[in-house]
Amino acid sequence: MTSSTTLSARDLRATIATFAELLRSHKEVINRLNVYPVPDGDTGTNMTLTIESVVAELAPLGGDASMAEVCHAIAHGSLMGARGNSGVILSQLLRGLVEKFKSTSEISTELLAQSFEHADVLARQAVVRPVEGTILSVARAGAEGARSQRGSLTTMVRGARDNARDALAFTPEQLPVLKEAGVVDAGGAGLLLFFDALCVVVANDPAPEPPPVESIVLHVHEQPGHYGAVDVANLRYEVMYLLDADEVKMHAFREVWAGIGDSIVIVGGDGLYNCHIHTDEIGAAIEAALDAGTPREIRITDLSEQIVEERWVREGSAAQPEDVTTTPATSVVAVVVGDGVGRIFRSLGVRQLVKGGQSMNPSTSDLVEAVLATGSQQVVILPNNKNIRLVAEQVNALVDQEVTVVATNSIVEGFAALLAYDPDASAHDNAKEMCESASHVVAAEVTQAIRDTSTDAGQVHVGDWIGLNAEGVRSVADSIAGAANKLLAGLVTDTHELITIIEGDGSTPANTRRITEFLADEFPSLNVEVHQGGQPLYPYYFGIE
């Protein structure tokens, strides 16, 4: 039990531990709540990962660690481990809260109230465009609730919690997207658990139990509305990194970011900052960091991919057709490798997916089973690999349906073929149009050599990175980006309009940036799309149209 008037370093550690436990148990519920600024469904995960970093930082400290040591661990751990918009704001709130604790051994009720207010101010300063109805509203309400209670520590933390709870319930009235979806703000729900944790430690109140995930029913449209002056739903990428920079350069950095995106949160100090933005301009977001200092641990997330994934999770259709009540005249079966690739094929209308690729060809029976599962009398198969085409061509003789194979040799050819797919047309007509569409794409890829050989592009040794297309090896380099850029330099011409980049295992934000910046410099009129494919062995697939 704590003192009725003060909070010790041990109590502060217990609060963090309890908060972490509550976030773990509520994580999926909070994920389910999240509909804003894009329905990426990861607010609970990001807040949990952020606080787990704090727990890890506290772990090596002895049981008698000083208040200063505990506060440093909380501030540093949350800064280094912050994930996503919600995690970065949570980091700033925690840093602001403990900043005033460092010089004392016991936290008084007055100091705790002041620290809640300080955390609120710093969090709002970190967000370039603060909006009510979010975690910020809940933080301010908690600070106001603490200030309004001048009695014991127990009275104060309960006052903060109750006011924060009321503010969370009010968030749908502040943000139309929440009201439309019928939920409260996800980040605010996560922060309320911190006030709950304080009440558990200080007042011995019972910990709240998470409601069943299935009880959270959302009414979410694909476009969740507008956020301030910018439609955040249309901003494609989430960019995050740690930035080593002098404070004097951070004002200019913030000005650059304010012009290229939204959901901007920048927290930290003393030369180290955690930076978060939603933007369409990955290169500019990273170049701003290079002008200010040195970025590291760069993470780039394609938010549009997350929107599609969350829709499938909501509708329970990740492993089945989107409309199970209507069977199309002609269905498509596609052979895919990588979860991200599968999601993209689903979004383009594929009825059944079969796992397979260069190193794991599916069997004839696998394809037969998928064709039967479509329920359609006519089916088109996309093998997406030349080694699978012969197997696919055996299927028509083994089933009652009419099966036609579109001889796609790569994933990107499969994508292009699906642009011409018409579920109401016959398999024969579909095959004709889809073959024509696939012929317009130049497919290429990057992988690592597993043996020495001689090629037209030069000598290849084990471990080299090589770029390939249908003609064979086109580039050799000692780096992924080097092989990719040499490959693309030999394939892309001024007549091409679009290049699709599919990231697989081994890709990194830095390499993707090197490739996209090379394309921007060499082919400024070329449109570039980046998708997460998750395919093994091939860090990058390319489709040039």
Protein backbone atom coordinates (compact mmCIF):
# COMPACT_ATOMS: atom_id res chain seq x y z
CA MET A 1 0.00 0.00 0.00
CA THR A 2 1.20 3.54 -0.70
CA SER A 3 1.20 6.47 1.67
CA SER A 4 -2.01 8.50 1.67
CA THR A 5 -0.06 11.60 0.69
CA THR A 6 2.98 10.53 -1.37
CA LEU A 7 4.05 8.18 -4.14
CA SER A 8 7.45 6.42 -3.93
CA ALA A 9 9.80 5.22 -6.70
CA ARG A 10 8.63 1.67 -5.96
CA ASP A 11 5.00 2.79 -6.37
CA LEU A 12 5.86 4.45 -9.67
CA ARG A 13 7.41 1.20 -10.92
CA ALA A 14 4.36 -0.74 -9.76
CA THR A 15 2.13 1.67 -11.68
CA ILE A 16 4.10 1.10 -14.89
CA ALA A 17 3.98 -2.67 -14.38
CA THR A 18 0.23 -2.57 -13.79
CA PHE A 19 -0.29 -0.30 -16.80
CA ALA A 20 1.64 -2.79 -18.94
CA GLU A 21 -0.52 -5.67 -17.71
CA LEU A 22 -3.69 -3.72 -18.47
CA LEU A 23 -2.51 -2.81 -21.95
CA ARG A 24 -1.66 -6.44 -22.68
CA SER A 25 -5.09 -7.63 -21.63
CA HIS A 26 -6.92 -4.80 -23.43
CA LYS A 27 -4.70 -4.71 -26.54
CA GLU A 28 -7.08 -6.44 -28.94
CA VAL A 29 -10.07 -4.44 -27.70
CA ILE A 30 -8.18 -1.18 -28.29
CA ASN A 31 -7.04 -2.41 -31.71
CA ARG A 32 -10.65 -3.09 -32.54
CA LEU A 33 -11.68 0.42 -31.54
CA ASN A 34 -9.19 2.15 -33.79
CA VAL A 35 -10.79 3.79 -36.81
CA TYR A 36 -8.81 7.00 -37.01
CA PRO A 37 -6.86 8.55 -38.66
CA VAL A 38 -6.79 5.39 -40.76
CA PRO A 39 -8.30 2.06 -39.75
CA ASP A 40 -4.92 0.40 -39.18
CA GLY A 41 -6.13 -1.46 -36.11
CA ASP A 42 -2.83 -1.22 -34.24
CA THR A 43 -3.29 1.43 -31.54
CA GLY A 44 -3.41 -1.16 -28.76
CA THR A 45 -0.38 -2.95 -30.16
CA ASN A 46 1.62 0.26 -30.50
CA MET A 47 0.83 1.46 -26.99
CA THR A 48 1.63 -1.98 -25.58
CA LEU A 49 4.98 -2.15 -27.40
CA THR A 50 5.82 1.34 -26.17
CA ILE A 51 5.19 0.47 -22.52
CA GLU A 52 6.96 -2.89 -22.93
CA SER A 53 10.06 -0.90 -23.83
CA VAL A 54 9.70 0.98 -20.53
CA VAL A 55 9.29 -2.30 -18.62
CA ALA A 56 12.47 -3.62 -20.24
CA GLU A 57 14.35 -0.45 -19.29
CA LEU A 58 13.20 -0.75 -15.69
CA ALA A 59 14.00 -4.46 -15.40
CA PRO A 60 17.76 -4.16 -14.70
CA LEU A 61 17.20 -1.67 -11.87
CA GLY A 62 17.38 -3.00 -8.32
CA GLY A 63 14.41 -2.92 -6.00
CA ASP A 64 15.91 0.06 -4.17
CA ALA A 65 16.49 2.15 -7.32
CA SER A 66 16.17 5.88 -6.75
CA MET A 67 13.39 8.05 -8.10
CA ALA A 68 15.84 9.64 -10.54
CA GLU A 69 16.87 6.22 -11.91
CA VAL A 70 13.26 5.11 -12.29
CA CYS A 71 12.27 8.35 -14.01
CA HIS A 72 15.21 8.15 -16.41
CA ALA A 73 14.26 4.58 -17.34
CA ILE A 74 10.64 5.58 -17.98
CA ALA A 75 11.58 8.60 -20.09
CA HIS A 76 14.32 6.87 -22.08
CA GLY A 77 12.48 3.58 -22.53
CA SER A 78 9.32 5.24 -23.79
CA LEU A 79 11.25 7.48 -26.19
CA MET A 80 13.28 4.65 -27.70
CA GLY A 81 10.39 2.21 -27.90
CA ALA A 82 7.56 4.47 -29.05
CA ARG A 83 5.54 2.96 -31.90
CA GLY A 84 2.93 4.67 -34.04
CA ASN A 85 1.13 7.94 -33.43
CA SER A 86 -0.42 6.77 -30.18
CA GLY A 87 2.84 5.33 -28.87
CA VAL A 88 4.77 8.52 -29.56
CA ILE A 89 2.16 10.66 -27.79
CA LEU A 90 2.13 8.22 -24.87
CA SER A 91 5.91 8.54 -24.72
CA GLN A 92 5.68 12.31 -24.45
CA LEU A 93 3.02 12.08 -21.77
CA LEU A 94 5.17 9.74 -19.68
CA ARG A 95 8.26 11.90 -20.20
CA GLY A 96 6.36 15.00 -19.18
CA LEU A 97 4.90 13.24 -16.15
CA VAL A 98 8.22 12.09 -14.69
CA GLU A 99 10.26 15.16 -15.59
CA LYS A 100 9.39 16.91 -12.34
CA PHE A 101 9.88 13.76 -10.22
CA LYS A 102 13.62 13.40 -10.77
CA SER A 103 14.74 15.74 -7.99
CA THR A 104 12.60 14.23 -5.24
CA SER A 105 12.35 10.92 -3.43
CA GLU A 106 8.59 11.10 -2.75
CA ILE A 107 5.86 12.47 -5.06
CA SER A 108 3.38 14.66 -3.23
CA THR A 109 -0.21 15.18 -4.30
CA GLU A 110 0.64 18.73 -5.39
CA LEU A 111 3.63 17.58 -7.44
CA LEU A 112 1.56 14.84 -9.07
CA ALA A 113 -1.12 17.35 -10.07
CA GLN A 114 1.53 19.68 -11.50
CA SER A 115 3.10 16.82 -13.42
CA PHE A 116 -0.20 15.77 -15.01
CA GLU A 117 -0.60 19.35 -16.23
CA HIS A 118 3.00 19.47 -17.45
CA ALA A 119 2.55 16.21 -19.37
CA ASP A 120 -0.60 17.58 -21.00
CA VAL A 121 1.21 20.73 -22.16
CA LEU A 122 4.22 18.87 -23.55
CA ALA A 123 2.09 16.33 -25.40
CA ARG A 124 0.15 19.06 -27.15
CA GLN A 125 3.37 20.83 -28.08
CA ALA A 126 4.65 17.62 -29.65
CA VAL A 127 1.62 17.30 -31.95
CA VAL A 128 1.81 19.71 -34.88
CA ARG A 129 -1.97 19.87 -35.31
CA PRO A 130 -3.69 18.90 -32.02
CA VAL A 131 -7.27 17.69 -32.39
CA GLU A 132 -9.87 17.19 -29.67
CA GLY A 133 -11.59 13.85 -29.30
CA THR A 134 -8.27 12.01 -29.16
CA ILE A 135 -5.81 10.82 -26.53
CA LEU A 136 -4.95 14.48 -25.96
CA SER A 137 -8.47 15.22 -24.71
CA VAL A 138 -8.31 12.34 -22.26
CA ALA A 139 -4.88 13.47 -21.00
CA ARG A 140 -6.12 17.01 -20.38
CA ALA A 141 -9.23 15.77 -18.62
CA GLY A 142 -7.10 13.58 -16.35
CA ALA A 143 -4.93 16.57 -15.44
CA GLU A 144 -7.99 18.71 -14.73
CA GLY A 145 -9.54 15.96 -12.64
CA ALA A 146 -6.38 15.67 -10.53
CA ARG A 147 -6.19 19.43 -10.02
CA SER A 148 -9.82 19.63 -8.90
CA GLN A 149 -9.22 17.17 -6.05
CA ARG A 150 -7.17 18.63 -3.17
CA GLY A 151 -7.59 15.82 -0.67
CA SER A 152 -5.56 12.63 -0.31
CA LEU A 153 -3.54 10.93 -3.02
CA THR A 154 -6.34 8.38 -3.33
CA THR A 155 -8.91 11.10 -3.92
CA MET A 156 -6.65 12.74 -6.49
CA VAL A 157 -5.95 9.67 -8.65
CA ARG A 158 -9.61 8.69 -8.60
CA GLY A 159 -10.56 12.20 -9.62
CA ALA A 160 -8.11 12.04 -12.53
CA ARG A 161 -9.41 8.63 -13.61
CA ASP A 162 -13.07 9.57 -13.41
CA ASN A 163 -12.58 12.79 -15.35
CA ALA A 164 -10.53 10.96 -17.98
CA ARG A 165 -13.26 8.32 -18.25
CA ASP A 166 -15.91 10.99 -18.83
CA ALA A 167 -13.70 12.64 -21.46
CA LEU A 168 -13.24 9.33 -23.26
CA ALA A 169 -17.00 8.80 -23.35
CA PHE A 170 -17.36 12.27 -24.88
CA THR A 171 -14.85 11.73 -27.72
CA PRO A 172 -17.53 10.61 -30.23
CA GLU A 173 -19.16 14.02 -29.80
CA GLN A 174 -15.87 15.69 -30.74
CA LEU A 175 -14.91 13.55 -33.73
CA PRO A 176 -17.62 12.67 -36.26
CA VAL A 177 -15.70 9.60 -37.46
CA LEU A 178 -15.94 8.10 -33.97
CA LYS A 179 -19.64 8.85 -33.71
CA GLU A 180 -20.28 7.33 -37.12
CA ALA A 181 -18.36 4.20 -36.14
CA GLY A 182 -20.07 4.02 -32.76
CA VAL A 183 -16.87 3.83 -30.70
CA VAL A 184 -14.68 5.96 -28.43
CA ASP A 185 -11.14 7.00 -29.31
CA ALA A 186 -8.70 4.08 -29.19
CA GLY A 187 -5.70 6.06 -27.95
CA GLY A 188 -7.80 7.66 -25.24
CA ALA A 189 -9.01 4.23 -24.16
CA GLY A 190 -5.39 3.12 -23.83
CA LEU A 191 -4.43 6.16 -21.79
CA LEU A 192 -7.37 5.68 -19.43
CA LEU A 193 -5.72 2.42 -18.39
CA PHE A 194 -2.80 4.43 -17.00
CA PHE A 195 -5.16 6.26 -14.65
CA ASP A 196 -6.74 2.90 -13.81
CA ALA A 197 -3.27 1.56 -12.99
CA LEU A 198 -2.65 4.46 -10.62
CA CYS A 199 -5.90 3.71 -8.84
CA VAL A 200 -4.95 0.04 -8.52
CA VAL A 201 -1.60 0.91 -6.93
CA VAL A 202 -2.63 3.92 -4.84
CA ALA A 203 -6.22 3.09 -3.84
CA ASN A 204 -6.19 -0.70 -4.20
CA ASP A 205 -9.09 -0.41 -6.66
CA PRO A 206 -9.85 -3.49 -8.78
CA ALA A 207 -8.27 -3.60 -12.23
CA PRO A 208 -10.76 -3.16 -15.07
CA GLU A 209 -11.55 -6.26 -17.13
CA PRO A 210 -11.52 -5.97 -20.91
CA PRO A 211 -14.86 -6.48 -22.66
CA PRO A 212 -15.11 -9.31 -25.22
CA VAL A 213 -13.54 -8.27 -28.52
CA GLU A 214 -16.62 -9.43 -30.41
CA SER A 215 -18.72 -6.93 -28.44
CA ILE A 216 -16.98 -4.07 -30.29
CA VAL A 217 -19.05 -3.49 -33.43
CA LEU A 218 -17.85 -0.80 -35.81
CA HIS A 219 -19.67 0.94 -38.61
CA VAL A 220 -16.68 1.99 -40.69
CA HIS A 221 -16.57 3.15 -44.29
CA GLU A 222 -13.46 2.83 -46.42
CA GLN A 223 -12.92 6.59 -46.30
CA PRO A 224 -13.11 7.62 -42.65
CA GLY A 225 -13.50 11.29 -43.28
CA HIS A 226 -11.40 14.40 -42.96
CA TYR A 227 -8.96 15.41 -40.26
CA GLY A 228 -8.29 19.11 -40.07
CA ALA A 229 -7.19 20.64 -43.36
CA VAL A 230 -5.79 17.40 -44.76
CA ASP A 231 -7.58 14.18 -45.65
CA VAL A 232 -5.38 11.85 -43.65
CA ALA A 233 -7.12 8.80 -45.08
CA ASN A 234 -5.47 9.71 -48.42
CA LEU A 235 -1.96 9.96 -46.98
CA ARG A 236 -0.28 6.75 -48.02
CA TYR A 237 2.65 6.12 -45.68
CA GLU A 238 3.50 6.22 -42.00
CA VAL A 239 7.15 7.20 -41.55
CA MET A 240 8.88 6.89 -38.17
CA TYR A 241 12.47 7.16 -37.04
CA LEU A 242 14.76 8.21 -34.22
CA LEU A 243 16.63 11.41 -35.02
CA ASP A 244 19.94 12.54 -33.53
CA ALA A 245 19.87 16.30 -34.02
CA ASP A 246 20.69 19.62 -32.39
CA GLU A 247 17.67 21.37 -30.90
CA VAL A 248 18.41 24.51 -32.92
CA LYS A 249 17.67 22.60 -36.13
CA MET A 250 14.39 21.12 -34.99
CA HIS A 251 12.25 24.20 -35.73
CA ALA A 252 13.20 24.04 -39.42
CA PHE A 253 12.63 20.29 -39.38
CA ARG A 254 9.10 20.76 -37.99
CA GLU A 255 8.38 23.39 -40.64
CA VAL A 256 9.36 21.00 -43.44
CA TRP A 257 7.24 18.20 -42.03
CA ALA A 258 4.24 20.48 -41.54
CA GLY A 259 4.21 21.02 -45.30
CA ILE A 260 4.34 17.37 -46.38
CA GLY A 261 1.95 15.47 -44.13
CA ASP A 262 -0.20 15.15 -41.03
CA SER A 263 -0.51 13.14 -37.80
CA ILE A 264 2.89 14.66 -37.00
CA VAL A 265 4.29 13.95 -33.54
CA ILE A 266 7.87 14.82 -32.57
CA VAL A 267 9.00 14.04 -29.04
CA GLY A 268 12.30 14.01 -27.20
CA GLY A 269 15.10 16.42 -26.40
CA ASP A 270 18.77 16.60 -25.48
CA GLY A 271 19.76 15.65 -29.00
CA LEU A 272 17.45 12.65 -29.52
CA TYR A 273 13.93 12.76 -30.98
CA ASN A 274 11.29 10.20 -31.94
CA CYS A 275 9.51 11.42 -35.08
CA HIS A 276 6.21 10.25 -36.62
CA ILE A 277 4.34 11.45 -39.72
CA HIS A 278 1.71 10.31 -42.22
CA THR A 279 2.74 11.45 -45.71
CA ASP A 280 2.84 10.63 -49.40
CA GLU A 281 6.43 11.89 -49.66
CA ILE A 282 8.73 9.30 -48.09
CA GLY A 283 11.87 10.80 -49.61
CA ALA A 284 11.11 14.31 -48.38
CA ALA A 285 10.24 13.03 -44.90
CA ILE A 286 13.65 11.37 -44.63
CA GLU A 287 15.62 14.12 -46.36
CA ALA A 288 14.36 16.56 -43.73
CA ALA A 289 16.03 14.38 -41.11
CA LEU A 290 19.30 14.32 -43.05
CA ASP A 291 19.28 18.12 -43.09
CA ALA A 292 18.71 18.24 -39.33
CA GLY A 293 20.93 15.39 -38.16
CA THR A 294 21.14 11.60 -38.40
CA PRO A 295 18.02 9.40 -38.63
CA ARG A 296 18.10 5.77 -37.52
CA GLU A 297 15.70 2.85 -37.04
CA ILE A 298 13.61 4.11 -39.96
CA ARG A 299 10.22 2.38 -40.28
CA ILE A 300 7.86 2.91 -43.21
CA THR A 301 4.35 1.45 -43.25
CA ASP A 302 2.00 1.43 -46.23
CA LEU A 303 -1.24 2.59 -44.61
CA SER A 304 -3.38 1.64 -47.60
CA GLU A 305 -2.30 -1.99 -47.14
CA GLN A 306 -3.38 -1.78 -43.50
CA ILE A 307 -6.78 -0.41 -44.48
CA VAL A 308 -7.41 -3.39 -46.75
CA GLU A 309 -6.20 -5.82 -44.11
CA GLU A 310 -8.40 -4.31 -41.40
CA ARG A 311 -11.43 -4.51 -43.68
CA TRP A 312 -10.84 -8.22 -44.17
CA VAL A 313 -10.39 -8.75 -40.45
CA ARG A 314 -13.61 -6.82 -39.72
CA GLU A 315 -15.60 -8.77 -42.28
CA GLY A 316 -14.01 -12.13 -41.53
CA SER A 317 -13.13 -12.57 -45.18
CA ALA A 318 -9.35 -12.94 -45.14
CA ALA A 319 -9.64 -16.59 -46.12
CA GLN A 320 -12.79 -16.52 -48.21
CA PRO A 321 -14.37 -14.53 -51.05
CA GLU A 322 -15.67 -11.07 -50.15
CA ASP A 323 -19.19 -11.97 -51.20
CA VAL A 324 -19.89 -15.59 -50.31
CA THR A 325 -23.55 -15.30 -51.29
CA THR A 326 -22.87 -14.56 -54.97
CA THR A 327 -20.78 -16.86 -57.12
CA PRO A 328 -19.34 -15.11 -60.21
CA ALA A 329 -19.73 -16.63 -63.64
CA THR A 330 -15.95 -16.86 -63.86
CA SER A 331 -13.71 -17.07 -60.80
CA VAL A 332 -9.95 -16.64 -60.58
CA VAL A 333 -7.54 -18.94 -58.76
CA ALA A 334 -4.09 -17.44 -58.21
CA VAL A 335 -0.85 -18.96 -56.95
CA VAL A 336 0.78 -16.55 -54.51
CA VAL A 337 3.69 -16.31 -52.12
CA GLY A 338 3.64 -13.81 -49.23
CA ASP A 339 0.75 -12.59 -47.11
CA GLY A 340 0.90 -9.08 -48.55
CA VAL A 341 0.81 -10.43 -52.09
CA GLY A 342 -2.23 -12.48 -51.14
CA ARG A 343 -4.02 -9.43 -49.79
CA ILE A 344 -3.40 -7.53 -53.01
CA PHE A 345 -4.72 -10.41 -55.14
CA ARG A 346 -7.81 -10.64 -52.94
CA SER A 347 -8.44 -6.92 -53.41
CA LEU A 348 -8.28 -7.42 -57.19
CA GLY A 349 -11.03 -10.04 -57.12
CA VAL A 350 -9.26 -13.40 -56.80
CA ARG A 351 -11.65 -16.03 -55.44
CA GLN A 352 -9.15 -18.65 -54.20
CA LEU A 353 -5.46 -18.39 -53.30
CA VAL A 354 -2.99 -21.27 -53.53
CA LYS A 355 0.36 -20.91 -51.78
CA GLY A 356 3.33 -21.57 -54.01
CA GLY A 357 6.28 -20.07 -55.81
CA GLN A 358 9.70 -20.67 -57.30
CA SER A 359 10.89 -22.93 -54.49
CA MET A 360 7.56 -24.49 -53.45
CA ASN A 361 5.45 -25.41 -56.46
CA PRO A 362 1.87 -26.46 -55.60
CA SER A 363 0.61 -29.83 -56.68
CA THR A 364 -2.08 -30.51 -59.25
CA SER A 365 -4.39 -31.59 -56.44
CA ASP A 366 -3.84 -28.24 -54.69
CA LEU A 367 -5.05 -26.42 -57.80
CA VAL A 368 -7.94 -28.83 -58.35
CA GLU A 369 -9.13 -28.29 -54.78
CA ALA A 370 -8.99 -24.50 -55.22
CA VAL A 371 -10.93 -24.65 -58.51
CA LEU A 372 -13.67 -26.76 -56.93
CA ALA A 373 -13.85 -24.39 -53.95
CA THR A 374 -14.68 -21.40 -56.18
CA GLY A 375 -18.18 -22.71 -56.87
CA SER A 376 -18.02 -21.27 -60.40
CA GLN A 377 -18.52 -23.26 -63.58
CA GLN A 378 -15.75 -21.34 -65.32
CA VAL A 379 -12.35 -20.61 -63.78
CA VAL A 380 -9.17 -18.81 -64.77
CA ILE A 381 -5.90 -19.90 -63.14
CA LEU A 382 -2.98 -17.49 -62.73
CA PRO A 383 0.13 -19.64 -62.06
CA ASN A 384 2.38 -16.57 -61.67
CA ASN A 385 5.48 -18.69 -62.25
CA LYS A 386 6.68 -20.54 -65.36
CA ASN A 387 7.44 -23.65 -63.28
CA ILE A 388 3.75 -23.90 -62.27
CA ARG A 389 2.18 -23.39 -65.69
CA LEU A 390 2.37 -27.04 -66.80
CA VAL A 391 0.76 -28.22 -63.57
CA ALA A 392 -2.01 -25.64 -63.96
CA GLU A 393 -2.72 -26.80 -67.50
CA GLN A 394 -3.54 -30.32 -66.21
CA VAL A 395 -6.46 -29.10 -64.11
CA ASN A 396 -9.05 -28.68 -66.88
CA ALA A 397 -9.05 -32.43 -67.60
CA LEU A 398 -9.60 -33.29 -63.93
CA VAL A 399 -12.69 -31.21 -63.12
CA ASP A 400 -16.15 -30.65 -64.56
CA GLN A 401 -15.64 -26.88 -64.76
CA GLU A 402 -14.14 -25.10 -67.74
CA VAL A 403 -10.64 -24.06 -66.69
CA THR A 404 -8.38 -21.74 -68.65
CA VAL A 405 -4.80 -20.85 -67.74
CA VAL A 406 -3.40 -17.34 -68.26
CA ALA A 407 0.32 -18.00 -68.57
CA THR A 408 1.58 -15.44 -66.09
CA ASN A 409 5.23 -15.95 -65.18
CA SER A 410 5.43 -13.56 -62.23
CA ILE A 411 3.41 -11.96 -59.47
CA VAL A 412 3.41 -8.56 -61.20
CA GLU A 413 2.13 -10.13 -64.43
CA GLY A 414 -0.67 -11.60 -62.34
CA PHE A 415 -1.49 -8.16 -60.99
CA ALA A 416 -1.61 -6.73 -64.49
CA ALA A 417 -3.79 -9.58 -65.75
CA LEU A 418 -6.36 -8.97 -63.02
CA LEU A 419 -6.86 -5.39 -64.18
CA ALA A 420 -8.75 -6.87 -67.15
CA TYR A 421 -10.73 -9.45 -65.15
CA ASP A 422 -14.51 -9.40 -65.62
CA PRO A 423 -16.38 -11.81 -63.29
CA ASP A 424 -19.42 -11.78 -65.58
CA ALA A 425 -17.51 -12.69 -68.75
CA SER A 426 -16.65 -16.22 -69.85
CA ALA A 427 -13.37 -17.87 -68.94
CA HIS A 428 -12.35 -17.79 -72.62
CA ASP A 429 -13.02 -14.07 -72.99
CA ASN A 430 -11.37 -13.32 -69.65
CA ALA A 431 -8.26 -15.29 -70.62
CA LYS A 432 -7.94 -13.34 -73.86
CA GLU A 433 -8.22 -9.93 -72.18
CA MET A 434 -6.11 -10.88 -69.18
CA CYS A 435 -3.30 -12.20 -71.37
CA GLU A 436 -3.31 -8.94 -73.30
CA SER A 437 -3.16 -6.92 -70.08
CA ALA A 438 -0.34 -9.03 -68.64
CA SER A 439 1.73 -8.60 -71.81
CA HIS A 440 2.09 -4.88 -71.14
CA VAL A 441 4.10 -5.31 -67.96
CA VAL A 442 7.85 -5.92 -67.77
CA ALA A 443 8.48 -8.13 -64.76
CA ALA A 444 11.76 -8.13 -62.84
CA GLU A 445 13.07 -9.13 -59.43
CA VAL A 446 16.05 -9.08 -57.10
CA THR A 447 17.40 -12.08 -55.21
CA GLN A 448 20.67 -13.42 -53.79
CA ALA A 449 22.88 -15.84 -55.69
CA ILE A 450 23.26 -19.31 -54.15
CA ARG A 451 26.09 -20.46 -56.46
CA ASP A 452 28.85 -19.11 -58.66
CA THR A 453 28.08 -18.70 -62.35
CA SER A 454 28.86 -16.65 -65.45
CA THR A 455 26.20 -14.40 -66.96
CA ASP A 456 25.92 -11.71 -69.63
CA ALA A 457 25.87 -9.22 -66.76
CA GLY A 458 29.20 -10.51 -65.42
CA GLN A 459 30.56 -13.07 -63.00
CA VAL A 460 28.24 -14.02 -60.15
CA HIS A 461 29.51 -15.36 -56.82
CA VAL A 462 27.63 -16.88 -53.92
CA GLY A 463 26.11 -14.09 -51.84
CA ASP A 464 25.99 -11.52 -54.66
CA TRP A 465 22.72 -9.71 -55.25
CA ILE A 466 21.36 -10.18 -58.75
CA GLY A 467 18.60 -8.53 -60.77
CA LEU A 468 16.63 -10.72 -63.17
CA ASN A 469 13.90 -10.53 -65.77
CA ALA A 470 12.58 -13.02 -68.34
CA GLU A 471 15.87 -12.85 -70.26
CA GLY A 472 17.95 -13.87 -67.25
CA VAL A 473 20.42 -12.05 -65.00
CA ARG A 474 20.58 -8.35 -65.86
CA SER A 475 22.59 -6.95 -62.96
CA VAL A 476 25.08 -8.03 -60.30
CA ALA A 477 26.03 -6.03 -57.20
CA ASP A 478 27.16 -6.39 -53.61
CA SER A 479 23.99 -4.73 -52.28
CA ILE A 480 20.25 -5.11 -52.78
CA ALA A 481 19.73 -1.50 -53.82
CA GLY A 482 22.75 -1.62 -56.13
CA ALA A 483 21.41 -4.67 -57.97
CA ALA A 484 17.92 -3.18 -58.14
CA ASN A 485 19.03 0.18 -59.50
CA LYS A 486 21.30 -1.39 -62.15
CA LEU A 487 18.44 -3.68 -63.14
CA LEU A 488 15.92 -0.86 -63.45
CA ALA A 489 18.38 1.38 -65.31
CA GLY A 490 18.51 -1.24 -68.05
CA LEU A 491 14.77 -1.89 -68.21
CA VAL A 492 12.94 1.41 -67.66
CA THR A 493 12.59 3.75 -70.63
CA ASP A 494 11.03 7.17 -71.12
CA THR A 495 7.95 5.48 -72.58
CA HIS A 496 7.10 3.76 -69.29
CA GLU A 497 4.54 5.40 -67.03
CA LEU A 498 4.33 3.28 -63.87
CA ILE A 499 6.52 1.01 -61.80
CA THR A 500 5.10 -1.17 -59.04
CA ILE A 501 7.51 -2.23 -56.29
CA ILE A 502 6.56 -5.23 -54.14
CA GLU A 503 8.62 -5.45 -50.95
CA GLY A 504 9.53 -8.92 -49.67
CA ASP A 505 11.69 -10.47 -46.98
CA GLY A 506 15.05 -8.71 -46.92
CA SER A 507 13.70 -5.36 -48.07
CA THR A 508 14.27 -2.40 -45.77
CA PRO A 509 12.95 1.17 -45.65
CA ALA A 510 16.46 2.40 -46.46
CA ASN A 511 16.77 0.21 -49.56
CA THR A 512 13.28 1.14 -50.74
CA ARG A 513 14.22 4.79 -50.33
CA ARG A 514 17.44 4.29 -52.34
CA ILE A 515 15.45 2.68 -55.13
CA THR A 516 12.63 5.25 -55.21
CA GLU A 517 15.08 8.14 -55.07
CA PHE A 518 17.09 6.64 -57.95
CA LEU A 519 13.90 6.37 -60.01
CA ALA A 520 12.90 9.94 -59.13
CA ASP A 521 16.29 11.23 -60.27
CA GLU A 522 16.57 9.15 -63.45
CA PHE A 523 12.90 9.00 -64.51
CA PRO A 524 11.12 12.01 -62.94
CA SER A 525 7.88 11.45 -64.90
CA LEU A 526 7.55 7.83 -63.76
CA ASN A 527 4.85 7.06 -61.19
CA VAL A 528 6.02 4.71 -58.43
CA GLU A 529 3.81 2.52 -56.22
CA VAL A 530 5.18 0.54 -53.27
CA HIS A 531 3.33 -2.42 -51.72
CA GLN A 532 4.23 -4.84 -48.97
CA GLY A 533 4.28 -8.37 -50.37
CA GLY A 534 6.11 -10.39 -47.74
CA GLN A 535 7.43 -12.88 -50.32
CA PRO A 536 10.46 -14.94 -49.23
CA LEU A 537 13.80 -15.05 -51.09
CA TYR A 538 13.03 -12.01 -53.25
CA PRO A 539 13.41 -8.65 -51.46
CA TYR A 540 11.84 -6.87 -54.43
CA TYR A 541 9.51 -7.66 -57.30
CA PHE A 542 9.13 -4.97 -59.98
CA GLY A 543 6.39 -4.43 -62.53
CA ILE A 544 7.15 -1.82 -65.22
CA GLU A 545 4.29 -0.57 -67.38
